[in-house]
């Protein structure tokens, strides 16, 4: 079994910064793509950023230039550096990863439990 655990959420003022972490543990052979999603109250879950195992990244237009996704493959950990935060960034942030649990196994997608980010003065 694989577990993803997010941390680093909290309350921040507009213009401030937060850094989220997502640590994967358990039966892991390899991790392909890792992603950050967010879901605001009354809205659908949306993709914020994604990163491949080789470091290729892509971002939602709403966060380009403000958020940076990164990962440490040796630690099976992904990060989201969020700068210039806006009230509209308020949401529960979820991490997501495509994991191979054995060399003969197919990739399966796992989700974390989410961490709350609130941007308010």
PDB file of N, CA and C in Angstrom:
ATOM      1  N   UNK A   1       0.833  -1.187   0.000  1.00  0.00           N
ATOM      2  CA  UNK A   1       0.000   0.000   0.000  1.00  0.00           C
ATOM      3  C   UNK A   1       0.875   1.246   0.000  1.00  0.00           C
ATOM      4  N   UNK A   2       0.336   2.304  -0.541  1.00  0.00           N
ATOM      5  CA  UNK A   2       1.068   3.564  -0.666  1.00  0.00           C
ATOM      6  C   UNK A   2       0.291   4.652   0.051  1.00  0.00           C
ATOM      7  N   UNK A   3       1.015   5.487   0.785  1.00  0.00           N
ATOM      8  CA  UNK A   3       0.395   6.626   1.465  1.00  0.00           C
ATOM      9  C   UNK A   3       1.049   7.915   0.990  1.00  0.00           C
ATOM     10  N   UNK A   4       0.214   8.917   0.779  1.00  0.00           N
ATOM     11  CA  UNK A   4       0.687  10.265   0.469  1.00  0.00           C
ATOM     12  C   UNK A   4       0.225  11.177   1.600  1.00  0.00           C
ATOM     13  N   UNK A   5       1.147  11.928   2.162  1.00  0.00           N
ATOM     14  CA  UNK A   5       0.827  12.803   3.281  1.00  0.00           C
ATOM     15  C   UNK A   5       1.264  14.220   2.952  1.00  0.00           C
ATOM     16  N   UNK A   6       0.288  15.141   2.913  1.00  0.00           N
ATOM     17  CA  UNK A   6       0.597  16.553   2.676  1.00  0.00           C
ATOM     18  C   UNK A   6       0.843  17.267   4.000  1.00  0.00           C
ATOM     19  N   UNK A   7       1.634  18.317   3.939  1.00  0.00           N
ATOM     20  CA  UNK A   7       1.863  19.177   5.101  1.00  0.00           C
ATOM     21  C   UNK A   7       2.211  20.569   4.608  1.00  0.00           C
ATOM     22  N   UNK A   8       2.153  21.533   5.517  1.00  0.00           N
ATOM     23  CA  UNK A   8       2.577  22.892   5.191  1.00  0.00           C
ATOM     24  C   UNK A   8       1.463  23.883   4.955  1.00  0.00           C
ATOM     25  N   UNK A   9       0.222  23.430   4.995  1.00  0.00           N
ATOM     26  CA  UNK A   9      -0.874  24.362   4.807  1.00  0.00           C
ATOM     27  C   UNK A   9      -1.052  25.255   6.025  1.00  0.00           C
ATOM     28  N   UNK A  10      -1.948  26.228   5.882  1.00  0.00           N
ATOM     29  CA  UNK A  10      -2.217  27.121   7.003  1.00  0.00           C
ATOM     30  C   UNK A  10      -2.850  28.405   6.539  1.00  0.00           C
ATOM     31  N   UNK A  11      -2.822  29.394   7.427  1.00  0.00           N
ATOM     32  CA  UNK A  11      -3.390  30.709   7.150  1.00  0.00           C
ATOM     33  C   UNK A  11      -2.266  31.679   6.803  1.00  0.00           C
ATOM     34  N   UNK A  12      -2.427  32.375   5.689  1.00  0.00           N
ATOM     35  CA  UNK A  12      -1.425  33.330   5.254  1.00  0.00           C
ATOM     36  C   UNK A  12      -2.125  34.560   4.724  1.00  0.00           C
ATOM     37  N   UNK A  13      -1.464  35.705   4.844  1.00  0.00           N
ATOM     38  CA  UNK A  13      -2.019  36.954   4.337  1.00  0.00           C
ATOM     39  C   UNK A  13      -1.800  37.067   2.831  1.00  0.00           C
ATOM     40  N   UNK A  14      -2.637  37.828   2.158  1.00  0.00           N
ATOM     41  CA  UNK A  14      -2.403  38.071   0.725  1.00  0.00           C
ATOM     42  C   UNK A  14      -1.009  38.632   0.486  1.00  0.00           C
ATOM     43  N   UNK A  15      -0.359  38.107  -0.536  1.00  0.00           N
ATOM     44  CA  UNK A  15       1.014  38.502  -0.838  1.00  0.00           C
ATOM     45  C   UNK A  15       2.059  37.655  -0.151  1.00  0.00           C
ATOM     46  N   UNK A  16       1.635  36.818   0.773  1.00  0.00           N
ATOM     47  CA  UNK A  16       2.568  35.977   1.510  1.00  0.00           C
ATOM     48  C   UNK A  16       2.923  34.704   0.769  1.00  0.00           C
ATOM     49  N   UNK A  17       3.655  33.841   1.461  1.00  0.00           N
ATOM     50  CA  UNK A  17       4.141  32.591   0.865  1.00  0.00           C
ATOM     51  C   UNK A  17       3.886  31.411   1.790  1.00  0.00           C
ATOM     52  N   UNK A  18       3.688  30.267   1.179  1.00  0.00           N
ATOM     53  CA  UNK A  18       3.603  28.994   1.892  1.00  0.00           C
ATOM     54  C   UNK A  18       4.307  27.939   1.059  1.00  0.00           C
ATOM     55  N   UNK A  19       4.805  26.927   1.733  1.00  0.00           N
ATOM     56  CA  UNK A  19       5.427  25.808   1.032  1.00  0.00           C
ATOM     57  C   UNK A  19       4.741  24.522   1.474  1.00  0.00           C
ATOM     58  N   UNK A  20       4.151  23.825   0.520  1.00  0.00           N
ATOM     59  CA  UNK A  20       3.515  22.548   0.788  1.00  0.00           C
ATOM     60  C   UNK A  20       4.475  21.405   0.474  1.00  0.00           C
ATOM     61  N   UNK A  21       4.342  20.334   1.236  1.00  0.00           N
ATOM     62  CA  UNK A  21       5.112  19.125   0.980  1.00  0.00           C
ATOM     63  C   UNK A  21       4.166  17.941   0.846  1.00  0.00           C
ATOM     64  N   UNK A  22       4.583  16.968   0.061  1.00  0.00           N
ATOM     65  CA  UNK A  22       3.824  15.727  -0.095  1.00  0.00           C
ATOM     66  C   UNK A  22       4.823  14.587  -0.054  1.00  0.00           C
ATOM     67  N   UNK A  23       4.740  13.786   0.999  1.00  0.00           N
ATOM     68  CA  UNK A  23       5.665  12.672   1.163  1.00  0.00           C
ATOM     69  C   UNK A  23       4.958  11.364   0.856  1.00  0.00           C
ATOM     70  N   UNK A  24       5.556  10.587  -0.036  1.00  0.00           N
ATOM     71  CA  UNK A  24       5.016   9.275  -0.385  1.00  0.00           C
ATOM     72  C   UNK A  24       5.791   8.199   0.356  1.00  0.00           C
ATOM     73  N   UNK A  25       5.052   7.213   0.872  1.00  0.00           N
ATOM     74  CA  UNK A  25       5.697   6.125   1.594  1.00  0.00           C
ATOM     75  C   UNK A  25       4.929   4.829   1.333  1.00  0.00           C
ATOM     76  N   UNK A  26       5.564   3.723   1.711  1.00  0.00           N
ATOM     77  CA  UNK A  26       4.929   2.423   1.518  1.00  0.00           C
ATOM     78  C   UNK A  26       5.672   1.603   0.491  1.00  0.00           C
ATOM     79  N   UNK A  27       4.920   0.770  -0.198  1.00  0.00           N
ATOM     80  CA  UNK A  27       5.492  -0.130  -1.185  1.00  0.00           C
ATOM     81  C   UNK A  27       5.672   0.600  -2.515  1.00  0.00           C
ATOM     82  N   UNK A  28       6.832   1.235  -2.686  1.00  0.00           N
ATOM     83  CA  UNK A  28       7.083   2.064  -3.868  1.00  0.00           C
ATOM     84  C   UNK A  28       8.265   1.522  -4.652  1.00  0.00           C
ATOM     85  N   UNK A  29       8.037   1.184  -5.914  1.00  0.00           N
ATOM     86  CA  UNK A  29       9.136   0.809  -6.814  1.00  0.00           C
ATOM     87  C   UNK A  29       9.594   2.035  -7.596  1.00  0.00           C
ATOM     88  N   UNK A  30       8.627   2.794  -8.110  1.00  0.00           N
ATOM     89  CA  UNK A  30       8.936   4.038  -8.804  1.00  0.00           C
ATOM     90  C   UNK A  30       7.714   4.937  -8.806  1.00  0.00           C
ATOM     91  N   UNK A  31       7.972   6.222  -8.964  1.00  0.00           N
ATOM     92  CA  UNK A  31       6.897   7.209  -9.067  1.00  0.00           C
ATOM     93  C   UNK A  31       7.055   7.950 -10.374  1.00  0.00           C
ATOM     94  N   UNK A  32       6.021   7.976 -11.167  1.00  0.00           N
ATOM     95  CA  UNK A  32       6.038   8.716 -12.424  1.00  0.00           C
ATOM     96  C   UNK A  32       5.614  10.160 -12.142  1.00  0.00           C
ATOM     97  N   UNK A  33       4.506  10.587 -12.659  1.00  0.00           N
ATOM     98  CA  UNK A  33       4.059  11.951 -12.437  1.00  0.00           C
ATOM     99  C   UNK A  33       3.550  12.152 -11.012  1.00  0.00           C
ATOM    100  N   UNK A  34       3.804  13.353 -10.500  1.00  0.00           N
ATOM    101  CA  UNK A  34       3.227  13.813  -9.246  1.00  0.00           C
ATOM    102  C   UNK A  34       2.522  15.137  -9.539  1.00  0.00           C
ATOM    103  N   UNK A  35       1.425  15.363  -8.841  1.00  0.00           N
ATOM    104  CA  UNK A  35       0.603  16.539  -9.144  1.00  0.00           C
ATOM    105  C   UNK A  35       0.049  17.160  -7.862  1.00  0.00           C
ATOM    106  N   UNK A  36      -0.230  18.433  -7.945  1.00  0.00           N
ATOM    107  CA  UNK A  36      -0.991  19.145  -6.923  1.00  0.00           C
ATOM    108  C   UNK A  36      -2.334  19.542  -7.518  1.00  0.00           C
ATOM    109  N   UNK A  37      -3.386  19.247  -6.790  1.00  0.00           N
ATOM    110  CA  UNK A  37      -4.732  19.688  -7.126  1.00  0.00           C
ATOM    111  C   UNK A  37      -5.231  20.565  -5.983  1.00  0.00           C
ATOM    112  N   UNK A  38      -6.275  21.326  -6.243  1.00  0.00           N
ATOM    113  CA  UNK A  38      -6.926  22.071  -5.176  1.00  0.00           C
ATOM    114  C   UNK A  38      -8.429  22.100  -5.415  1.00  0.00           C
ATOM    115  N   UNK A  39      -9.141  22.242  -4.311  1.00  0.00           N
ATOM    116  CA  UNK A  39     -10.593  22.323  -4.392  1.00  0.00           C
ATOM    117  C   UNK A  39     -11.093  23.379  -3.414  1.00  0.00           C
ATOM    118  N   UNK A  40     -11.686  24.418  -3.961  1.00  0.00           N
ATOM    119  CA  UNK A  40     -12.277  25.472  -3.155  1.00  0.00           C
ATOM    120  C   UNK A  40     -13.733  25.123  -2.868  1.00  0.00           C
ATOM    121  N   UNK A  41     -14.305  25.678  -1.809  1.00  0.00           N
ATOM    122  CA  UNK A  41     -15.699  25.382  -1.468  1.00  0.00           C
ATOM    123  C   UNK A  41     -16.639  25.671  -2.630  1.00  0.00           C
ATOM    124  N   UNK A  42     -17.473  24.692  -2.953  1.00  0.00           N
ATOM    125  CA  UNK A  42     -18.456  24.865  -4.007  1.00  0.00           C
ATOM    126  C   UNK A  42     -17.899  24.774  -5.412  1.00  0.00           C
ATOM    127  N   UNK A  43     -16.620  24.445  -5.536  1.00  0.00           N
ATOM    128  CA  UNK A  43     -15.996  24.352  -6.862  1.00  0.00           C
ATOM    129  C   UNK A  43     -15.447  22.963  -7.116  1.00  0.00           C
ATOM    130  N   UNK A  44     -15.206  22.676  -8.385  1.00  0.00           N
ATOM    131  CA  UNK A  44     -14.628  21.380  -8.746  1.00  0.00           C
ATOM    132  C   UNK A  44     -13.131  21.369  -8.434  1.00  0.00           C
ATOM    133  N   UNK A  45     -12.620  20.179  -8.196  1.00  0.00           N
ATOM    134  CA  UNK A  45     -11.190  20.029  -7.990  1.00  0.00           C
ATOM    135  C   UNK A  45     -10.471  20.378  -9.289  1.00  0.00           C
ATOM    136  N   UNK A  46      -9.394  21.152  -9.183  1.00  0.00           N
ATOM    137  CA  UNK A  46      -8.652  21.555 -10.366  1.00  0.00           C
ATOM    138  C   UNK A  46      -7.170  21.248 -10.223  1.00  0.00           C
ATOM    139  N   UNK A  47      -6.543  20.978 -11.360  1.00  0.00           N
ATOM    140  CA  UNK A  47      -5.113  20.723 -11.381  1.00  0.00           C
ATOM    141  C   UNK A  47      -4.356  22.040 -11.236  1.00  0.00           C
ATOM    142  N   UNK A  48      -3.424  22.073 -10.304  1.00  0.00           N
ATOM    143  CA  UNK A  48      -2.617  23.275 -10.072  1.00  0.00           C
ATOM    144  C   UNK A  48      -1.277  23.174 -10.786  1.00  0.00           C
ATOM    145  N   UNK A  49      -0.590  22.041 -10.592  1.00  0.00           N
ATOM    146  CA  UNK A  49       0.735  21.865 -11.181  1.00  0.00           C
ATOM    147  C   UNK A  49       1.061  20.388 -11.220  1.00  0.00           C
ATOM    148  N   UNK A  50       1.946  20.031 -12.147  1.00  0.00           N
ATOM    149  CA  UNK A  50       2.369  18.641 -12.287  1.00  0.00           C
ATOM    150  C   UNK A  50       3.855  18.600 -12.589  1.00  0.00           C
ATOM    151  N   UNK A  51       4.492  17.486 -12.207  1.00  0.00           N
ATOM    152  CA  UNK A  51       5.923  17.326 -12.458  1.00  0.00           C
ATOM    153  C   UNK A  51       6.201  15.866 -12.779  1.00  0.00           C
ATOM    154  N   UNK A  52       6.993  15.650 -13.824  1.00  0.00           N
ATOM    155  CA  UNK A  52       7.363  14.294 -14.199  1.00  0.00           C
ATOM    156  C   UNK A  52       8.547  13.825 -13.357  1.00  0.00           C
ATOM    157  N   UNK A  53       8.869  12.554 -13.482  1.00  0.00           N
ATOM    158  CA  UNK A  53      10.016  12.030 -12.740  1.00  0.00           C
ATOM    159  C   UNK A  53      11.313  12.678 -13.199  1.00  0.00           C
ATOM    160  N   UNK A  54      11.331  13.176 -14.418  1.00  0.00           N
ATOM    161  CA  UNK A  54      12.511  13.844 -14.946  1.00  0.00           C
ATOM    162  C   UNK A  54      12.542  15.328 -14.696  1.00  0.00           C
ATOM    163  N   UNK A  55      11.491  15.851 -14.050  1.00  0.00           N
ATOM    164  CA  UNK A  55      11.488  17.266 -13.690  1.00  0.00           C
ATOM    165  C   UNK A  55      10.721  18.174 -14.640  1.00  0.00           C
ATOM    166  N   UNK A  56      10.046  17.606 -15.625  1.00  0.00           N
ATOM    167  CA  UNK A  56       9.245  18.442 -16.523  1.00  0.00           C
ATOM    168  C   UNK A  56       8.018  18.915 -15.775  1.00  0.00           C
ATOM    169  N   UNK A  57       7.715  20.212 -15.899  1.00  0.00           N
ATOM    170  CA  UNK A  57       6.614  20.797 -15.134  1.00  0.00           C
ATOM    171  C   UNK A  57       5.574  21.451 -16.023  1.00  0.00           C
ATOM    172  N   UNK A  58       4.367  21.555 -15.498  1.00  0.00           N
ATOM    173  CA  UNK A  58       3.350  22.386 -16.129  1.00  0.00           C
ATOM    174  C   UNK A  58       2.433  22.925 -15.039  1.00  0.00           C
ATOM    175  N   UNK A  59       1.845  24.087 -15.332  1.00  0.00           N
ATOM    176  CA  UNK A  59       1.084  24.832 -14.338  1.00  0.00           C
ATOM    177  C   UNK A  59      -0.245  25.299 -14.900  1.00  0.00           C
ATOM    178  N   UNK A  60      -1.212  25.446 -14.008  1.00  0.00           N
ATOM    179  CA  UNK A  60      -2.441  26.125 -14.375  1.00  0.00           C
ATOM    180  C   UNK A  60      -2.120  27.594 -14.636  1.00  0.00           C
ATOM    181  N   UNK A  61      -2.838  28.200 -15.566  1.00  0.00           N
ATOM    182  CA  UNK A  61      -2.579  29.600 -15.895  1.00  0.00           C
ATOM    183  C   UNK A  61      -2.715  30.497 -14.665  1.00  0.00           C
ATOM    184  N   UNK A  62      -3.599  30.145 -13.771  1.00  0.00           N
ATOM    185  CA  UNK A  62      -3.881  30.991 -12.607  1.00  0.00           C
ATOM    186  C   UNK A  62      -2.725  31.065 -11.615  1.00  0.00           C
ATOM    187  N   UNK A  63      -1.770  30.137 -11.705  1.00  0.00           N
ATOM    188  CA  UNK A  63      -0.663  30.126 -10.744  1.00  0.00           C
ATOM    189  C   UNK A  63       0.696  30.315 -11.396  1.00  0.00           C
ATOM    190  N   UNK A  64       0.748  30.399 -12.713  1.00  0.00           N
ATOM    191  CA  UNK A  64       2.024  30.561 -13.412  1.00  0.00           C
ATOM    192  C   UNK A  64       2.735  31.817 -12.938  1.00  0.00           C
ATOM    193  N   UNK A  65       4.029  31.677 -12.664  1.00  0.00           N
ATOM    194  CA  UNK A  65       4.818  32.810 -12.204  1.00  0.00           C
ATOM    195  C   UNK A  65       4.743  33.038 -10.708  1.00  0.00           C
ATOM    196  N   UNK A  66       3.821  32.362 -10.032  1.00  0.00           N
ATOM    197  CA  UNK A  66       3.694  32.518  -8.572  1.00  0.00           C
ATOM    198  C   UNK A  66       4.017  31.226  -7.827  1.00  0.00           C
ATOM    199  N   UNK A  67       3.655  30.097  -8.393  1.00  0.00           N
ATOM    200  CA  UNK A  67       3.868  28.800  -7.748  1.00  0.00           C
ATOM    201  C   UNK A  67       4.991  28.048  -8.462  1.00  0.00           C
ATOM    202  N   UNK A  68       5.745  27.277  -7.694  1.00  0.00           N
ATOM    203  CA  UNK A  68       6.796  26.437  -8.254  1.00  0.00           C
ATOM    204  C   UNK A  68       6.681  25.029  -7.683  1.00  0.00           C
ATOM    205  N   UNK A  69       6.568  24.060  -8.568  1.00  0.00           N
ATOM    206  CA  UNK A  69       6.513  22.661  -8.152  1.00  0.00           C
ATOM    207  C   UNK A  69       7.904  22.048  -8.297  1.00  0.00           C
ATOM    208  N   UNK A  70       8.263  21.189  -7.355  1.00  0.00           N
ATOM    209  CA  UNK A  70       9.554  20.505  -7.412  1.00  0.00           C
ATOM    210  C   UNK A  70       9.416  19.159  -6.716  1.00  0.00           C
ATOM    211  N   UNK A  71      10.451  18.333  -6.852  1.00  0.00           N
ATOM    212  CA  UNK A  71      10.399  17.036  -6.192  1.00  0.00           C
ATOM    213  C   UNK A  71      11.812  16.566  -5.888  1.00  0.00           C
ATOM    214  N   UNK A  72      11.902  15.741  -4.863  1.00  0.00           N
ATOM    215  CA  UNK A  72      13.147  15.087  -4.479  1.00  0.00           C
ATOM    216  C   UNK A  72      12.894  13.596  -4.655  1.00  0.00           C
ATOM    217  N   UNK A  73      13.378  13.031  -5.750  1.00  0.00           N
ATOM    218  CA  UNK A  73      13.104  11.625  -6.043  1.00  0.00           C
ATOM    219  C   UNK A  73      13.701  10.683  -5.001  1.00  0.00           C
ATOM    220  N   UNK A  74      14.813  11.048  -4.425  1.00  0.00           N
ATOM    221  CA  UNK A  74      15.451  10.195  -3.416  1.00  0.00           C
ATOM    222  C   UNK A  74      14.590  10.084  -2.160  1.00  0.00           C
ATOM    223  N   UNK A  75      13.804  11.130  -1.897  1.00  0.00           N
ATOM    224  CA  UNK A  75      12.947  11.149  -0.708  1.00  0.00           C
ATOM    225  C   UNK A  75      11.493  10.853  -1.028  1.00  0.00           C
ATOM    226  N   UNK A  76      11.199  10.630  -2.312  1.00  0.00           N
ATOM    227  CA  UNK A  76       9.796  10.424  -2.738  1.00  0.00           C
ATOM    228  C   UNK A  76       8.904  11.545  -2.224  1.00  0.00           C
ATOM    229  N   UNK A  77       9.385  12.759  -2.353  1.00  0.00           N
ATOM    230  CA  UNK A  77       8.679  13.924  -1.823  1.00  0.00           C
ATOM    231  C   UNK A  77       8.538  14.987  -2.899  1.00  0.00           C
ATOM    232  N   UNK A  78       7.379  15.624  -2.896  1.00  0.00           N
ATOM    233  CA  UNK A  78       7.084  16.703  -3.833  1.00  0.00           C
ATOM    234  C   UNK A  78       6.782  17.968  -3.033  1.00  0.00           C
ATOM    235  N   UNK A  79       7.070  19.107  -3.630  1.00  0.00           N
ATOM    236  CA  UNK A  79       6.860  20.386  -2.961  1.00  0.00           C
ATOM    237  C   UNK A  79       6.060  21.329  -3.862  1.00  0.00           C
ATOM    238  N   UNK A  80       5.416  22.285  -3.226  1.00  0.00           N
ATOM    239  CA  UNK A  80       4.775  23.374  -3.956  1.00  0.00           C
ATOM    240  C   UNK A  80       5.091  24.667  -3.213  1.00  0.00           C
ATOM    241  N   UNK A  81       5.964  25.474  -3.798  1.00  0.00           N
ATOM    242  CA  UNK A  81       6.277  26.780  -3.245  1.00  0.00           C
ATOM    243  C   UNK A  81       5.263  27.770  -3.793  1.00  0.00           C
ATOM    244  N   UNK A  82       4.503  28.381  -2.908  1.00  0.00           N
ATOM    245  CA  UNK A  82       3.438  29.295  -3.315  1.00  0.00           C
ATOM    246  C   UNK A  82       3.790  30.703  -2.851  1.00  0.00           C
ATOM    247  N   UNK A  83       4.026  31.584  -3.793  1.00  0.00           N
ATOM    248  CA  UNK A  83       4.365  32.976  -3.501  1.00  0.00           C
ATOM    249  C   UNK A  83       3.247  33.893  -3.994  1.00  0.00           C
ATOM    250  N   UNK A  84       3.276  35.122  -3.528  1.00  0.00           N
ATOM    251  CA  UNK A  84       2.289  36.131  -3.942  1.00  0.00           C
ATOM    252  C   UNK A  84       0.871  35.575  -3.830  1.00  0.00           C
ATOM    253  N   UNK A  85       0.577  34.994  -2.709  1.00  0.00           N
ATOM    254  CA  UNK A  85      -0.709  34.345  -2.526  1.00  0.00           C
ATOM    255  C   UNK A  85      -1.855  35.334  -2.621  1.00  0.00           C
ATOM    256  N   UNK A  86      -2.962  34.838  -3.163  1.00  0.00           N
ATOM    257  CA  UNK A  86      -4.177  35.624  -3.332  1.00  0.00           C
ATOM    258  C   UNK A  86      -5.333  34.949  -2.598  1.00  0.00           C
ATOM    259  N   UNK A  87      -6.349  35.695  -2.221  1.00  0.00           N
ATOM    260  CA  UNK A  87      -7.502  35.060  -1.552  1.00  0.00           C
ATOM    261  C   UNK A  87      -8.115  33.932  -2.392  1.00  0.00           C
ATOM    262  N   UNK A  88      -8.058  34.064  -3.697  1.00  0.00           N
ATOM    263  CA  UNK A  88      -8.624  33.019  -4.560  1.00  0.00           C
ATOM    264  C   UNK A  88      -7.796  31.746  -4.581  1.00  0.00           C
ATOM    265  N   UNK A  89      -6.638  31.749  -3.923  1.00  0.00           N
ATOM    266  CA  UNK A  89      -5.856  30.514  -3.773  1.00  0.00           C
ATOM    267  C   UNK A  89      -6.368  29.680  -2.600  1.00  0.00           C
ATOM    268  N   UNK A  90      -7.290  30.216  -1.834  1.00  0.00           N
ATOM    269  CA  UNK A  90      -7.844  29.485  -0.708  1.00  0.00           C
ATOM    270  C   UNK A  90      -8.537  28.217  -1.180  1.00  0.00           C
ATOM    271  N   UNK A  91      -8.115  27.086  -0.627  1.00  0.00           N
ATOM    272  CA  UNK A  91      -8.655  25.794  -1.038  1.00  0.00           C
ATOM    273  C   UNK A  91      -8.012  24.697  -0.198  1.00  0.00           C
ATOM    274  N   UNK A  92      -8.548  23.492  -0.335  1.00  0.00           N
ATOM    275  CA  UNK A  92      -7.849  22.313   0.164  1.00  0.00           C
ATOM    276  C   UNK A  92      -6.947  21.827  -0.967  1.00  0.00           C
ATOM    277  N   UNK A  93      -5.685  21.651  -0.660  1.00  0.00           N
ATOM    278  CA  UNK A  93      -4.707  21.221  -1.649  1.00  0.00           C
ATOM    279  C   UNK A  93      -4.412  19.733  -1.449  1.00  0.00           C
ATOM    280  N   UNK A  94      -4.489  18.993  -2.550  1.00  0.00           N
ATOM    281  CA  UNK A  94      -4.277  17.555  -2.543  1.00  0.00           C
ATOM    282  C   UNK A  94      -3.081  17.199  -3.413  1.00  0.00           C
ATOM    283  N   UNK A  95      -2.304  16.230  -2.955  1.00  0.00           N
ATOM    284  CA  UNK A  95      -1.276  15.710  -3.835  1.00  0.00           C
ATOM    285  C   UNK A  95      -1.736  14.366  -4.412  1.00  0.00           C
ATOM    286  N   UNK A  96      -1.133  14.032  -5.511  1.00  0.00           N
ATOM    287  CA  UNK A  96      -1.559  12.907  -6.337  1.00  0.00           C
ATOM    288  C   UNK A  96      -0.301  12.371  -7.007  1.00  0.00           C
ATOM    289  N   UNK A  97      -0.180  11.044  -7.064  1.00  0.00           N
ATOM    290  CA  UNK A  97       1.023  10.465  -7.669  1.00  0.00           C
ATOM    291  C   UNK A  97       0.685   9.169  -8.389  1.00  0.00           C
ATOM    292  N   UNK A  98       1.377   8.948  -9.496  1.00  0.00           N
ATOM    293  CA  UNK A  98       1.264   7.685 -10.244  1.00  0.00           C
ATOM    294  C   UNK A  98       2.416   6.791  -9.798  1.00  0.00           C
ATOM    295  N   UNK A  99       2.084   5.702  -9.116  1.00  0.00           N
ATOM    296  CA  UNK A  99       3.087   4.883  -8.445  1.00  0.00           C
ATOM    297  C   UNK A  99       3.083   3.460  -8.992  1.00  0.00           C
ATOM    298  N   UNK A 100       4.293   2.948  -9.178  1.00  0.00           N
ATOM    299  CA  UNK A 100       4.479   1.539  -9.522  1.00  0.00           C
ATOM    300  C   UNK A 100       4.983   0.854  -8.261  1.00  0.00           C
ATOM    301  N   UNK A 101       4.252  -0.158  -7.773  1.00  0.00           N
ATOM    302  CA  UNK A 101       4.613  -0.774  -6.499  1.00  0.00           C
ATOM    303  C   UNK A 101       5.549  -1.962  -6.668  1.00  0.00           C
ATOM    304  N   UNK A 102       5.712  -2.443  -7.881  1.00  0.00           N
ATOM    305  CA  UNK A 102       6.637  -3.525  -8.156  1.00  0.00           C
ATOM    306  C   UNK A 102       7.035  -3.436  -9.611  1.00  0.00           C
ATOM    307  N   UNK A 103       8.167  -4.046 -10.000  1.00  0.00           N
ATOM    308  CA  UNK A 103       8.665  -3.833 -11.354  1.00  0.00           C
ATOM    309  C   UNK A 103       7.761  -4.467 -12.402  1.00  0.00           C
ATOM    310  N   UNK A 104       6.887  -5.374 -11.986  1.00  0.00           N
ATOM    311  CA  UNK A 104       5.951  -5.967 -12.934  1.00  0.00           C
ATOM    312  C   UNK A 104       4.571  -5.319 -12.861  1.00  0.00           C
ATOM    313  N   UNK A 105       4.403  -4.389 -11.935  1.00  0.00           N
ATOM    314  CA  UNK A 105       3.084  -3.820 -11.703  1.00  0.00           C
ATOM    315  C   UNK A 105       2.834  -2.618 -12.598  1.00  0.00           C
ATOM    316  N   UNK A 106       1.559  -2.388 -12.868  1.00  0.00           N
ATOM    317  CA  UNK A 106       1.153  -1.191 -13.589  1.00  0.00           C
ATOM    318  C   UNK A 106       1.139   0.010 -12.650  1.00  0.00           C
ATOM    319  N   UNK A 107       1.178   1.185 -13.247  1.00  0.00           N
ATOM    320  CA  UNK A 107       1.051   2.397 -12.445  1.00  0.00           C
ATOM    321  C   UNK A 107      -0.362   2.498 -11.871  1.00  0.00           C
ATOM    322  N   UNK A 108      -0.456   2.952 -10.650  1.00  0.00           N
ATOM    323  CA  UNK A 108      -1.736   3.234 -10.020  1.00  0.00           C
ATOM    324  C   UNK A 108      -1.667   4.635  -9.419  1.00  0.00           C
ATOM    325  N   UNK A 109      -2.792   5.307  -9.388  1.00  0.00           N
ATOM    326  CA  UNK A 109      -2.836   6.684  -8.884  1.00  0.00           C
ATOM    327  C   UNK A 109      -3.302   6.712  -7.439  1.00  0.00           C
ATOM    328  N   UNK A 110      -2.549   7.439  -6.620  1.00  0.00           N
ATOM    329  CA  UNK A 110      -2.865   7.581  -5.207  1.00  0.00           C
ATOM    330  C   UNK A 110      -3.068   9.057  -4.871  1.00  0.00           C
ATOM    331  N   UNK A 111      -3.868   9.290  -3.831  1.00  0.00           N
ATOM    332  CA  UNK A 111      -4.189  10.649  -3.379  1.00  0.00           C
ATOM    333  C   UNK A 111      -3.837  10.820  -1.907  1.00  0.00           C
ATOM    334  N   UNK A 112      -3.440  12.030  -1.567  1.00  0.00           N
ATOM    335  CA  UNK A 112      -3.292  12.380  -0.174  1.00  0.00           C
ATOM    336  C   UNK A 112      -4.614  12.821   0.415  1.00  0.00           C
ATOM    337  N   UNK A 113      -4.600  13.150   1.711  1.00  0.00           N
ATOM    338  CA  UNK A 113      -5.832  13.493   2.414  1.00  0.00           C
ATOM    339  C   UNK A 113      -6.161  14.984   2.310  1.00  0.00           C
ATOM    340  N   UNK A 114      -5.207  15.767   1.857  1.00  0.00           N
ATOM    341  CA  UNK A 114      -5.449  17.199   1.665  1.00  0.00           C
ATOM    342  C   UNK A 114      -4.948  18.049   2.820  1.00  0.00           C
ATOM    343  N   UNK A 115      -4.575  19.275   2.494  1.00  0.00           N
ATOM    344  CA  UNK A 115      -4.167  20.246   3.500  1.00  0.00           C
ATOM    345  C   UNK A 115      -4.816  21.585   3.160  1.00  0.00           C
ATOM    346  N   UNK A 116      -5.338  22.257   4.177  1.00  0.00           N
ATOM    347  CA  UNK A 116      -6.071  23.498   3.965  1.00  0.00           C
ATOM    348  C   UNK A 116      -5.118  24.674   3.822  1.00  0.00           C
ATOM    349  N   UNK A 117      -5.339  25.461   2.790  1.00  0.00           N
ATOM    350  CA  UNK A 117      -4.628  26.725   2.609  1.00  0.00           C
ATOM    351  C   UNK A 117      -5.674  27.832   2.610  1.00  0.00           C
ATOM    352  N   UNK A 118      -5.499  28.792   3.502  1.00  0.00           N
ATOM    353  CA  UNK A 118      -6.410  29.927   3.594  1.00  0.00           C
ATOM    354  C   UNK A 118      -5.622  31.215   3.450  1.00  0.00           C
ATOM    355  N   UNK A 119      -6.017  32.021   2.487  1.00  0.00           N
ATOM    356  CA  UNK A 119      -5.348  33.302   2.250  1.00  0.00           C
ATOM    357  C   UNK A 119      -6.341  34.403   2.589  1.00  0.00           C
ATOM    358  N   UNK A 120      -6.044  35.115   3.657  1.00  0.00           N
ATOM    359  CA  UNK A 120      -6.977  36.137   4.137  1.00  0.00           C
ATOM    360  C   UNK A 120      -6.247  37.125   5.022  1.00  0.00           C
ATOM    361  N   UNK A 121      -6.695  38.379   4.979  1.00  0.00           N
ATOM    362  CA  UNK A 121      -6.127  39.381   5.861  1.00  0.00           C
ATOM    363  C   UNK A 121      -6.921  39.455   7.158  1.00  0.00           C
TER     364      UNK A 121
END
